[in-house]
Every structure is written in C-alpha cells, then in structure tokens.
PDB file of N, CA and C in Angstrom:
ATOM      1  N   UNK A   1       7.233-213.186 122.899  1.00  0.00           N
ATOM      2  CA  UNK A   1       8.121-214.028 122.241  1.00  0.00           C
ATOM      3  C   UNK A   1       9.559-214.166 122.506  1.00  0.00           C
ATOM      4  N   UNK A   2      10.598-215.121 122.669  1.00  0.00           N
ATOM      5  CA  UNK A   2      11.721-215.277 123.147  1.00  0.00           C
ATOM      6  C   UNK A   2      12.561-214.762 122.115  1.00  0.00           C
ATOM      7  N   UNK A   3      13.516-213.514 122.560  1.00  0.00           N
ATOM      8  CA  UNK A   3      14.600-213.219 121.364  1.00  0.00           C
ATOM      9  C   UNK A   3      15.871-213.129 121.962  1.00  0.00           C
ATOM     10  N   UNK A   4      16.771-213.542 121.258  1.00  0.00           N
ATOM     11  CA  UNK A   4      18.290-213.636 121.635  1.00  0.00           C
ATOM     12  C   UNK A   4      19.114-212.798 121.080  1.00  0.00           C
ATOM     13  N   UNK A   5      20.104-212.074 121.942  1.00  0.00           N
ATOM     14  CA  UNK A   5      20.936-210.924 121.575  1.00  0.00           C
ATOM     15  C   UNK A   5      22.206-211.642 120.337  1.00  0.00           C
ATOM     16  N   UNK A   6      22.356-210.986 119.223  1.00  0.00           N
ATOM     17  CA  UNK A   6      23.208-211.225 118.264  1.00  0.00           C
ATOM     18  C   UNK A   6      22.524-212.014 116.996  1.00  0.00           C
ATOM     19  N   UNK A   7      21.316-212.772 117.456  1.00  0.00           N
ATOM     20  CA  UNK A   7      20.626-213.680 116.370  1.00  0.00           C
ATOM     21  C   UNK A   7      20.119-212.860 115.363  1.00  0.00           C
ATOM     22  N   UNK A   8      20.166-213.471 114.322  1.00  0.00           N
ATOM     23  CA  UNK A   8      19.325-212.880 112.913  1.00  0.00           C
ATOM     24  C   UNK A   8      18.297-213.292 112.904  1.00  0.00           C
ATOM     25  N   UNK A   9      17.019-212.515 112.773  1.00  0.00           N
ATOM     26  CA  UNK A   9      15.601-212.706 112.668  1.00  0.00           C
ATOM     27  C   UNK A   9      15.203-212.267 111.036  1.00  0.00           C
ATOM     28  N   UNK A  10      14.354-213.082 110.805  1.00  0.00           N
ATOM     29  CA  UNK A  10      13.790-212.911 109.263  1.00  0.00           C
ATOM     30  C   UNK A  10      12.461-212.640 109.469  1.00  0.00           C
ATOM     31  N   UNK A  11      12.038-211.398 108.732  1.00  0.00           N
ATOM     32  CA  UNK A  11      10.602-210.703 108.730  1.00  0.00           C
ATOM     33  C   UNK A  11      10.042-210.941 107.431  1.00  0.00           C
ATOM     34  N   UNK A  12       8.801-211.095 107.574  1.00  0.00           N
ATOM     35  CA  UNK A  12       8.498-211.279 105.827  1.00  0.00           C
ATOM     36  C   UNK A  12       6.689-210.929 106.059  1.00  0.00           C
ATOM     37  N   UNK A  13       6.223-210.482 105.125  1.00  0.00           N
ATOM     38  CA  UNK A  13       5.002-209.885 105.016  1.00  0.00           C
ATOM     39  C   UNK A  13       4.616-209.997 103.479  1.00  0.00           C
ATOM     40  N   UNK A  14       3.166-210.457 103.197  1.00  0.00           N
ATOM     41  CA  UNK A  14       2.864-210.252 101.676  1.00  0.00           C
ATOM     42  C   UNK A  14       2.060-208.864 101.940  1.00  0.00           C
ATOM     43  N   UNK A  15       2.295-207.825 100.832  1.00  0.00           N
ATOM     44  CA  UNK A  15       1.762-206.576 101.073  1.00  0.00           C
ATOM     45  C   UNK A  15       1.405-206.330  99.232  1.00  0.00           C
ATOM     46  N   UNK A  16       0.566-205.013  99.432  1.00  0.00           N
ATOM     47  CA  UNK A  16       0.373-204.485  98.331  1.00  0.00           C
ATOM     48  C   UNK A  16       0.041-202.927  98.302  1.00  0.00           C
ATOM     49  N   UNK A  17       0.357-202.084  97.662  1.00  0.00           N
ATOM     50  CA  UNK A  17       0.273-200.793  97.866  1.00  0.00           C
ATOM     51  C   UNK A  17      -1.051-200.198  97.058  1.00  0.00           C
ATOM     52  N   UNK A  18      -1.692-199.576  97.946  1.00  0.00           N
ATOM     53  CA  UNK A  18      -2.939-198.959  96.825  1.00  0.00           C
ATOM     54  C   UNK A  18      -2.589-197.807  96.279  1.00  0.00           C
ATOM     55  N   UNK A  19      -3.310-197.032  95.260  1.00  0.00           N
ATOM     56  CA  UNK A  19      -3.174-195.913  94.708  1.00  0.00           C
ATOM     57  C   UNK A  19      -2.489-194.600  95.436  1.00  0.00           C
ATOM     58  N   UNK A  20      -1.424-194.113  94.992  1.00  0.00           N
ATOM     59  CA  UNK A  20      -1.201-192.570  95.601  1.00  0.00           C
ATOM     60  C   UNK A  20      -0.646-193.187  97.220  1.00  0.00           C
ATOM     61  N   UNK A  21      -0.254-194.465  97.605  1.00  0.00           N
ATOM     62  CA  UNK A  21       0.218-194.565  98.812  1.00  0.00           C
ATOM     63  C   UNK A  21       1.725-194.469  98.684  1.00  0.00           C
ATOM     64  N   UNK A  22       2.161-193.934  99.880  1.00  0.00           N
ATOM     65  CA  UNK A  22       3.846-193.819  99.964  1.00  0.00           C
ATOM     66  C   UNK A  22       3.960-194.301 101.550  1.00  0.00           C
ATOM     67  N   UNK A  23       3.214-195.320 102.001  1.00  0.00           N
ATOM     68  CA  UNK A  23       3.569-196.063 103.445  1.00  0.00           C
ATOM     69  C   UNK A  23       4.769-196.795 102.931  1.00  0.00           C
ATOM     70  N   UNK A  24       5.615-196.798 104.299  1.00  0.00           N
ATOM     71  CA  UNK A  24       6.549-197.756 104.500  1.00  0.00           C
ATOM     72  C   UNK A  24       6.268-198.403 105.885  1.00  0.00           C
ATOM     73  N   UNK A  25       6.780-199.524 106.293  1.00  0.00           N
ATOM     74  CA  UNK A  25       6.600-200.376 107.439  1.00  0.00           C
ATOM     75  C   UNK A  25       7.858-200.259 108.601  1.00  0.00           C
ATOM     76  N   UNK A  26       7.958-199.777 109.483  1.00  0.00           N
ATOM     77  CA  UNK A  26       9.199-200.077 110.548  1.00  0.00           C
ATOM     78  C   UNK A  26       8.816-201.168 111.323  1.00  0.00           C
ATOM     79  N   UNK A  27       9.556-202.147 111.355  1.00  0.00           N
ATOM     80  CA  UNK A  27       9.605-203.243 112.225  1.00  0.00           C
ATOM     81  C   UNK A  27      10.293-203.304 113.418  1.00  0.00           C
ATOM     82  N   UNK A  28      10.055-203.118 114.600  1.00  0.00           N
ATOM     83  CA  UNK A  28      10.610-203.116 115.657  1.00  0.00           C
ATOM     84  C   UNK A  28      10.375-204.468 116.782  1.00  0.00           C
ATOM     85  N   UNK A  29      11.397-204.820 117.296  1.00  0.00           N
ATOM     86  CA  UNK A  29      11.269-205.837 118.292  1.00  0.00           C
ATOM     87  C   UNK A  29      11.409-204.844 119.627  1.00  0.00           C
ATOM     88  N   UNK A  30      10.642-205.050 121.069  1.00  0.00           N
ATOM     89  CA  UNK A  30      11.102-204.056 122.065  1.00  0.00           C
ATOM     90  C   UNK A  30      10.573-205.190 123.451  1.00  0.00           C
ATOM     91  N   UNK A  31      11.126-204.789 124.354  1.00  0.00           N
ATOM     92  CA  UNK A  31      11.394-205.615 125.612  1.00  0.00           C
ATOM     93  C   UNK A  31      10.170-205.067 126.364  1.00  0.00           C
ATOM     94  N   UNK A  32       9.606-205.332 127.413  1.00  0.00           N
ATOM     95  CA  UNK A  32       8.541-205.163 128.283  1.00  0.00           C
ATOM     96  C   UNK A  32       8.412-203.409 128.649  1.00  0.00           C
ATOM     97  N   UNK A  33       9.725-202.807 128.677  1.00  0.00           N
ATOM     98  CA  UNK A  33       9.639-201.328 128.934  1.00  0.00           C
ATOM     99  C   UNK A  33       9.414-200.603 127.729  1.00  0.00           C
ATOM    100  N   UNK A  34       9.116-200.964 126.546  1.00  0.00           N
ATOM    101  CA  UNK A  34       9.033-200.267 125.302  1.00  0.00           C
ATOM    102  C   UNK A  34      10.434-200.358 124.715  1.00  0.00           C
ATOM    103  N   UNK A  35      11.520-200.319 125.110  1.00  0.00           N
ATOM    104  CA  UNK A  35      12.776-200.306 124.492  1.00  0.00           C
ATOM    105  C   UNK A  35      13.026-201.078 123.581  1.00  0.00           C
ATOM    106  N   UNK A  36      13.471-200.699 122.368  1.00  0.00           N
ATOM    107  CA  UNK A  36      13.809-201.196 120.950  1.00  0.00           C
ATOM    108  C   UNK A  36      15.063-202.355 121.074  1.00  0.00           C
ATOM    109  N   UNK A  37      14.992-203.417 120.929  1.00  0.00           N
ATOM    110  CA  UNK A  37      16.196-204.302 120.844  1.00  0.00           C
ATOM    111  C   UNK A  37      16.446-204.947 119.419  1.00  0.00           C
ATOM    112  N   UNK A  38      15.631-204.348 118.298  1.00  0.00           N
ATOM    113  CA  UNK A  38      16.168-204.831 117.123  1.00  0.00           C
ATOM    114  C   UNK A  38      15.001-203.899 115.979  1.00  0.00           C
ATOM    115  N   UNK A  39      15.397-203.467 115.240  1.00  0.00           N
ATOM    116  CA  UNK A  39      14.816-202.600 114.132  1.00  0.00           C
ATOM    117  C   UNK A  39      15.253-202.835 112.752  1.00  0.00           C
ATOM    118  N   UNK A  40      14.340-202.552 111.836  1.00  0.00           N
ATOM    119  CA  UNK A  40      14.445-202.423 110.280  1.00  0.00           C
ATOM    120  C   UNK A  40      13.482-201.921 109.674  1.00  0.00           C
ATOM    121  N   UNK A  41      13.366-201.427 108.379  1.00  0.00           N
ATOM    122  CA  UNK A  41      12.702-200.875 107.619  1.00  0.00           C
ATOM    123  C   UNK A  41      12.101-201.592 106.169  1.00  0.00           C
ATOM    124  N   UNK A  42      10.837-201.282 105.702  1.00  0.00           N
ATOM    125  CA  UNK A  42      10.776-202.300 104.676  1.00  0.00           C
ATOM    126  C   UNK A  42       9.614-201.359 103.817  1.00  0.00           C
ATOM    127  N   UNK A  43       9.801-201.089 102.544  1.00  0.00           N
ATOM    128  CA  UNK A  43       8.897-200.175 101.826  1.00  0.00           C
ATOM    129  C   UNK A  43       8.736-201.102 100.844  1.00  0.00           C
ATOM    130  N   UNK A  44       7.276-201.605 100.799  1.00  0.00           N
ATOM    131  CA  UNK A  44       6.355-202.100  99.837  1.00  0.00           C
ATOM    132  C   UNK A  44       5.767-201.251  98.774  1.00  0.00           C
ATOM    133  N   UNK A  45       6.399-201.497  97.447  1.00  0.00           N
ATOM    134  CA  UNK A  45       5.849-200.615  96.303  1.00  0.00           C
ATOM    135  C   UNK A  45       5.053-201.163  95.385  1.00  0.00           C
ATOM    136  N   UNK A  46       4.954-202.565  95.233  1.00  0.00           N
ATOM    137  CA  UNK A  46       3.713-202.900  94.312  1.00  0.00           C
ATOM    138  C   UNK A  46       2.658-202.954  94.592  1.00  0.00           C
ATOM    139  N   UNK A  47       1.631-202.777  93.358  1.00  0.00           N
ATOM    140  CA  UNK A  47       0.165-202.406  93.109  1.00  0.00           C
ATOM    141  C   UNK A  47      -0.068-203.804  93.745  1.00  0.00           C
ATOM    142  N   UNK A  48       0.431-204.889  93.105  1.00  0.00           N
ATOM    143  CA  UNK A  48      -0.276-206.365  93.138  1.00  0.00           C
ATOM    144  C   UNK A  48       0.438-206.846  94.610  1.00  0.00           C
ATOM    145  N   UNK A  49       0.032-208.123  94.960  1.00  0.00           N
ATOM    146  CA  UNK A  49       0.435-208.696  96.299  1.00  0.00           C
ATOM    147  C   UNK A  49       1.688-209.199  95.793  1.00  0.00           C
ATOM    148  N   UNK A  50       2.875-208.798  96.420  1.00  0.00           N
ATOM    149  CA  UNK A  50       4.180-209.654  96.560  1.00  0.00           C
ATOM    150  C   UNK A  50       4.566-209.916  97.910  1.00  0.00           C
ATOM    151  N   UNK A  51       5.666-210.666  98.152  1.00  0.00           N
ATOM    152  CA  UNK A  51       5.996-211.115  99.284  1.00  0.00           C
ATOM    153  C   UNK A  51       7.051-210.033  99.735  1.00  0.00           C
ATOM    154  N   UNK A  52       7.175-209.864 100.820  1.00  0.00           N
ATOM    155  CA  UNK A  52       8.701-208.685 100.993  1.00  0.00           C
ATOM    156  C   UNK A  52       9.310-209.510 102.340  1.00  0.00           C
ATOM    157  N   UNK A  53      10.688-209.370 102.499  1.00  0.00           N
ATOM    158  CA  UNK A  53      11.117-209.757 103.410  1.00  0.00           C
ATOM    159  C   UNK A  53      12.423-209.288 103.754  1.00  0.00           C
ATOM    160  N   UNK A  54      13.118-208.858 104.958  1.00  0.00           N
ATOM    161  CA  UNK A  54      14.270-208.372 105.449  1.00  0.00           C
ATOM    162  C   UNK A  54      14.899-209.126 106.617  1.00  0.00           C
ATOM    163  N   UNK A  55      16.080-208.910 107.085  1.00  0.00           N
ATOM    164  CA  UNK A  55      16.519-209.607 108.158  1.00  0.00           C
ATOM    165  C   UNK A  55      17.346-208.529 109.139  1.00  0.00           C
ATOM    166  N   UNK A  56      17.304-208.961 110.356  1.00  0.00           N
ATOM    167  CA  UNK A  56      17.756-207.685 111.401  1.00  0.00           C
ATOM    168  C   UNK A  56      18.328-208.775 112.220  1.00  0.00           C
ATOM    169  N   UNK A  57      19.277-208.017 113.167  1.00  0.00           N
ATOM    170  CA  UNK A  57      20.020-208.417 114.181  1.00  0.00           C
ATOM    171  C   UNK A  57      19.261-207.955 115.563  1.00  0.00           C
ATOM    172  N   UNK A  58      19.006-208.777 116.423  1.00  0.00           N
ATOM    173  CA  UNK A  58      18.577-208.710 117.769  1.00  0.00           C
ATOM    174  C   UNK A  58      19.840-207.916 118.695  1.00  0.00           C
ATOM    175  N   UNK A  59      19.460-206.754 119.566  1.00  0.00           N
ATOM    176  CA  UNK A  59      20.670-206.306 120.315  1.00  0.00           C
ATOM    177  C   UNK A  59      20.648-206.800 121.554  1.00  0.00           C
ATOM    178  N   UNK A  60      19.714-207.541 122.342  1.00  0.00           N
ATOM    179  CA  UNK A  60      19.439-207.909 123.574  1.00  0.00           C
ATOM    180  C   UNK A  60      18.696-209.429 123.431  1.00  0.00           C
ATOM    181  N   UNK A  61      18.778-209.887 124.482  1.00  0.00           N
ATOM    182  CA  UNK A  61      18.114-210.973 124.855  1.00  0.00           C
ATOM    183  C   UNK A  61      17.015-210.718 125.660  1.00  0.00           C
ATOM    184  N   UNK A  62      15.869-211.066 125.183  1.00  0.00           N
ATOM    185  CA  UNK A  62      14.235-211.134 125.867  1.00  0.00           C
ATOM    186  C   UNK A  62      13.215-211.931 125.846  1.00  0.00           C
ATOM    187  N   UNK A  63      13.142-212.701 127.033  1.00  0.00           N
ATOM    188  CA  UNK A  63      12.052-213.364 126.874  1.00  0.00           C
ATOM    189  C   UNK A  63      10.442-213.306 126.698  1.00  0.00           C
ATOM    190  N   UNK A  64      10.753-211.928 126.955  1.00  0.00           N
ATOM    191  CA  UNK A  64       8.994-211.580 126.644  1.00  0.00           C
ATOM    192  C   UNK A  64       8.982-210.315 125.760  1.00  0.00           C
ATOM    193  N   UNK A  65       9.495-210.455 124.537  1.00  0.00           N
ATOM    194  CA  UNK A  65       9.690-209.580 123.394  1.00  0.00           C
ATOM    195  C   UNK A  65       8.266-209.307 122.619  1.00  0.00           C
ATOM    196  N   UNK A  66       8.345-208.177 122.265  1.00  0.00           N
ATOM    197  CA  UNK A  66       6.888-207.959 121.197  1.00  0.00           C
ATOM    198  C   UNK A  66       7.539-207.555 120.109  1.00  0.00           C
ATOM    199  N   UNK A  67       6.487-207.797 118.996  1.00  0.00           N
ATOM    200  CA  UNK A  67       6.927-207.361 117.762  1.00  0.00           C
ATOM    201  C   UNK A  67       5.946-206.117 117.325  1.00  0.00           C
ATOM    202  N   UNK A  68       6.549-204.908 117.338  1.00  0.00           N
ATOM    203  CA  UNK A  68       5.805-203.669 116.668  1.00  0.00           C
ATOM    204  C   UNK A  68       5.936-203.320 115.426  1.00  0.00           C
ATOM    205  N   UNK A  69       4.863-203.154 114.493  1.00  0.00           N
ATOM    206  CA  UNK A  69       4.809-202.348 113.173  1.00  0.00           C
ATOM    207  C   UNK A  69       4.310-201.106 113.230  1.00  0.00           C
ATOM    208  N   UNK A  70       5.081-200.111 112.527  1.00  0.00           N
ATOM    209  CA  UNK A  70       4.929-198.850 112.536  1.00  0.00           C
ATOM    210  C   UNK A  70       4.592-198.502 111.076  1.00  0.00           C
ATOM    211  N   UNK A  71       3.364-197.932 110.635  1.00  0.00           N
ATOM    212  CA  UNK A  71       3.111-197.725 109.308  1.00  0.00           C
ATOM    213  C   UNK A  71       3.510-196.276 109.060  1.00  0.00           C
ATOM    214  N   UNK A  72       4.521-195.651 108.309  1.00  0.00           N
ATOM    215  CA  UNK A  72       4.660-194.233 108.767  1.00  0.00           C
ATOM    216  C   UNK A  72       4.304-194.000 106.667  1.00  0.00           C
ATOM    217  N   UNK A  73       3.917-192.670 106.882  1.00  0.00           N
ATOM    218  CA  UNK A  73       3.787-191.980 105.435  1.00  0.00           C
ATOM    219  C   UNK A  73       2.325-192.067 105.205  1.00  0.00           C
ATOM    220  N   UNK A  74       1.612-191.292 103.956  1.00  0.00           N
ATOM    221  CA  UNK A  74       0.449-191.489 103.400  1.00  0.00           C
ATOM    222  C   UNK A  74      -0.193-192.424 102.690  1.00  0.00           C
ATOM    223  N   UNK A  75      -1.515-192.711 103.065  1.00  0.00           N
ATOM    224  CA  UNK A  75      -1.898-193.708 102.058  1.00  0.00           C
ATOM    225  C   UNK A  75      -2.276-194.829 103.115  1.00  0.00           C
ATOM    226  N   UNK A  76      -2.607-196.091 102.061  1.00  0.00           N
ATOM    227  CA  UNK A  76      -2.929-197.218 102.628  1.00  0.00           C
ATOM    228  C   UNK A  76      -2.394-198.300 101.785  1.00  0.00           C
ATOM    229  N   UNK A  77      -2.237-199.512 102.552  1.00  0.00           N
ATOM    230  CA  UNK A  77      -2.162-200.636 101.816  1.00  0.00           C
ATOM    231  C   UNK A  77      -2.927-201.981 102.674  1.00  0.00           C
ATOM    232  N   UNK A  78      -2.623-203.081 101.978  1.00  0.00           N
ATOM    233  CA  UNK A  78      -3.055-204.320 102.440  1.00  0.00           C
ATOM    234  C   UNK A  78      -2.012-205.156 103.102  1.00  0.00           C
ATOM    235  N   UNK A  79      -1.974-205.956 103.832  1.00  0.00           N
ATOM    236  CA  UNK A  79      -0.952-206.930 104.558  1.00  0.00           C
ATOM    237  C   UNK A  79      -1.538-208.012 104.657  1.00  0.00           C
ATOM    238  N   UNK A  80      -1.142-209.158 104.796  1.00  0.00           N
ATOM    239  CA  UNK A  80      -1.214-210.460 105.145  1.00  0.00           C
ATOM    240  C   UNK A  80      -0.212-211.324 105.524  1.00  0.00           C
ATOM    241  N   UNK A  81      -0.047-212.719 106.145  1.00  0.00           N
ATOM    242  CA  UNK A  81       0.835-213.524 105.979  1.00  0.00           C
ATOM    243  C   UNK A  81       2.150-212.770 107.068  1.00  0.00           C
ATOM    244  N   UNK A  82       1.987-212.372 108.069  1.00  0.00           N
ATOM    245  CA  UNK A  82       3.053-211.748 108.742  1.00  0.00           C
ATOM    246  C   UNK A  82       4.056-212.744 109.362  1.00  0.00           C
ATOM    247  N   UNK A  83       5.297-212.567 109.214  1.00  0.00           N
ATOM    248  CA  UNK A  83       6.087-213.848 109.844  1.00  0.00           C
ATOM    249  C   UNK A  83       7.346-213.221 110.636  1.00  0.00           C
ATOM    250  N   UNK A  84       7.861-213.827 111.544  1.00  0.00           N
ATOM    251  CA  UNK A  84       9.210-213.456 112.305  1.00  0.00           C
ATOM    252  C   UNK A  84       9.691-214.760 112.389  1.00  0.00           C
ATOM    253  N   UNK A  85      11.044-215.110 112.040  1.00  0.00           N
ATOM    254  CA  UNK A  85      11.618-216.219 111.982  1.00  0.00           C
ATOM    255  C   UNK A  85      12.906-216.173 112.419  1.00  0.00           C
ATOM    256  N   UNK A  86      13.802-216.935 113.563  1.00  0.00           N
ATOM    257  CA  UNK A  86      15.030-216.952 113.569  1.00  0.00           C
ATOM    258  C   UNK A  86      15.800-217.701 112.465  1.00  0.00           C
ATOM    259  N   UNK A  87      16.987-217.060 112.019  1.00  0.00           N
ATOM    260  CA  UNK A  87      17.788-217.287 110.771  1.00  0.00           C
ATOM    261  C   UNK A  87      18.631-218.227 111.607  1.00  0.00           C
ATOM    262  N   UNK A  88      18.876-219.570 111.201  1.00  0.00           N
ATOM    263  CA  UNK A  88      20.149-220.421 111.522  1.00  0.00           C
ATOM    264  C   UNK A  88      20.544-221.071 110.112  1.00  0.00           C
ATOM    265  N   UNK A  89      21.886-221.092 109.810  1.00  0.00           N
ATOM    266  CA  UNK A  89      22.258-221.754 108.629  1.00  0.00           C
ATOM    267  C   UNK A  89      21.839-223.056 108.305  1.00  0.00           C
ATOM    268  N   UNK A  90      21.012-222.931 107.197  1.00  0.00           N
ATOM    269  CA  UNK A  90      20.470-224.156 106.482  1.00  0.00           C
ATOM    270  C   UNK A  90      18.807-224.059 106.974  1.00  0.00           C
ATOM    271  N   UNK A  91      18.362-223.255 107.435  1.00  0.00           N
ATOM    272  CA  UNK A  91      16.893-223.213 108.028  1.00  0.00           C
ATOM    273  C   UNK A  91      16.455-222.151 108.796  1.00  0.00           C
ATOM    274  N   UNK A  92      15.345-221.918 108.389  1.00  0.00           N
ATOM    275  CA  UNK A  92      14.309-220.586 109.166  1.00  0.00           C
ATOM    276  C   UNK A  92      13.701-221.454 110.046  1.00  0.00           C
ATOM    277  N   UNK A  93      13.586-220.800 111.541  1.00  0.00           N
ATOM    278  CA  UNK A  93      12.743-221.387 112.549  1.00  0.00           C
ATOM    279  C   UNK A  93      11.979-220.168 113.195  1.00  0.00           C
ATOM    280  N   UNK A  94      10.321-220.487 113.129  1.00  0.00           N
ATOM    281  CA  UNK A  94       9.491-219.872 113.506  1.00  0.00           C
ATOM    282  C   UNK A  94      10.092-219.560 115.184  1.00  0.00           C
ATOM    283  N   UNK A  95       9.932-218.050 115.482  1.00  0.00           N
ATOM    284  CA  UNK A  95      10.376-217.613 116.865  1.00  0.00           C
ATOM    285  C   UNK A  95       9.631-218.427 117.864  1.00  0.00           C
ATOM    286  N   UNK A  96       8.416-218.701 117.854  1.00  0.00           N
ATOM    287  CA  UNK A  96       8.042-219.390 119.138  1.00  0.00           C
ATOM    288  C   UNK A  96       8.309-220.695 119.425  1.00  0.00           C
ATOM    289  N   UNK A  97       9.146-221.098 118.359  1.00  0.00           N
ATOM    290  CA  UNK A  97       9.951-222.720 119.000  1.00  0.00           C
ATOM    291  C   UNK A  97      11.054-222.622 119.227  1.00  0.00           C
ATOM    292  N   UNK A  98      11.692-221.165 119.432  1.00  0.00           N
ATOM    293  CA  UNK A  98      13.235-220.971 119.862  1.00  0.00           C
ATOM    294  C   UNK A  98      13.257-221.140 121.380  1.00  0.00           C
ATOM    295  N   UNK A  99      13.697-222.147 121.999  1.00  0.00           N
ATOM    296  CA  UNK A  99      13.975-221.810 123.639  1.00  0.00           C
ATOM    297  C   UNK A  99      15.377-220.760 123.812  1.00  0.00           C
ATOM    298  N   UNK A 100      14.918-219.823 125.003  1.00  0.00           N
ATOM    299  CA  UNK A 100      15.927-218.793 125.112  1.00  0.00           C
ATOM    300  C   UNK A 100      16.519-219.294 126.661  1.00  0.00           C
TER     301      UNK A 100
END
C-alpha cells in the first residue's frame, strides 16, 4: 500500500479480550526491507466487542509498504474489521485509494 511521509494514518479494529488475557497490539508500517516507517500501540481491554482506534504519523514515503500487527503478552483475544485509513481534515480516506 502507498504511504506518505508526514501524513497521519488512522488504525481501527474491533476486539475483545478473553479471560485472563493481557495481550497488546503493536501496529507497524514497514518498507520492503522490513524497516519500520510508522508505529503505535493499542491495548484492548474490554471483555465485550469494542472498537479501538489510534492515529500515528508515517516517517517515510513508501509505495509498497506493508502493515504488521504484533500481539505481545499472554492470552488471547478476538479481532475483526481491521482498517487503516489516511487522515485528511474533514474526512478519512482508505489507504488503497490514496495516490503517492
């Protein structure tokens, strides 16, 4: 997917933690060499389905970036409806619709 340096990206996901779980999500944008060009963390804590979201800024322009999700901690949880969008004042644009 195309990513632009200095632009703000909006990540969202539906998630629910299972019993005794302490998992967290690390969200990364990486270039083809695996170098991180944007990162943030998310800590889903609800036992019921809930939408979580976070914004972060890309540190480089990359036409072929990938989105990595790392699950850190112990336990398990359910996730659904993963989304990454470009934040533009007044609207949110899906990343695959943004020319670079």
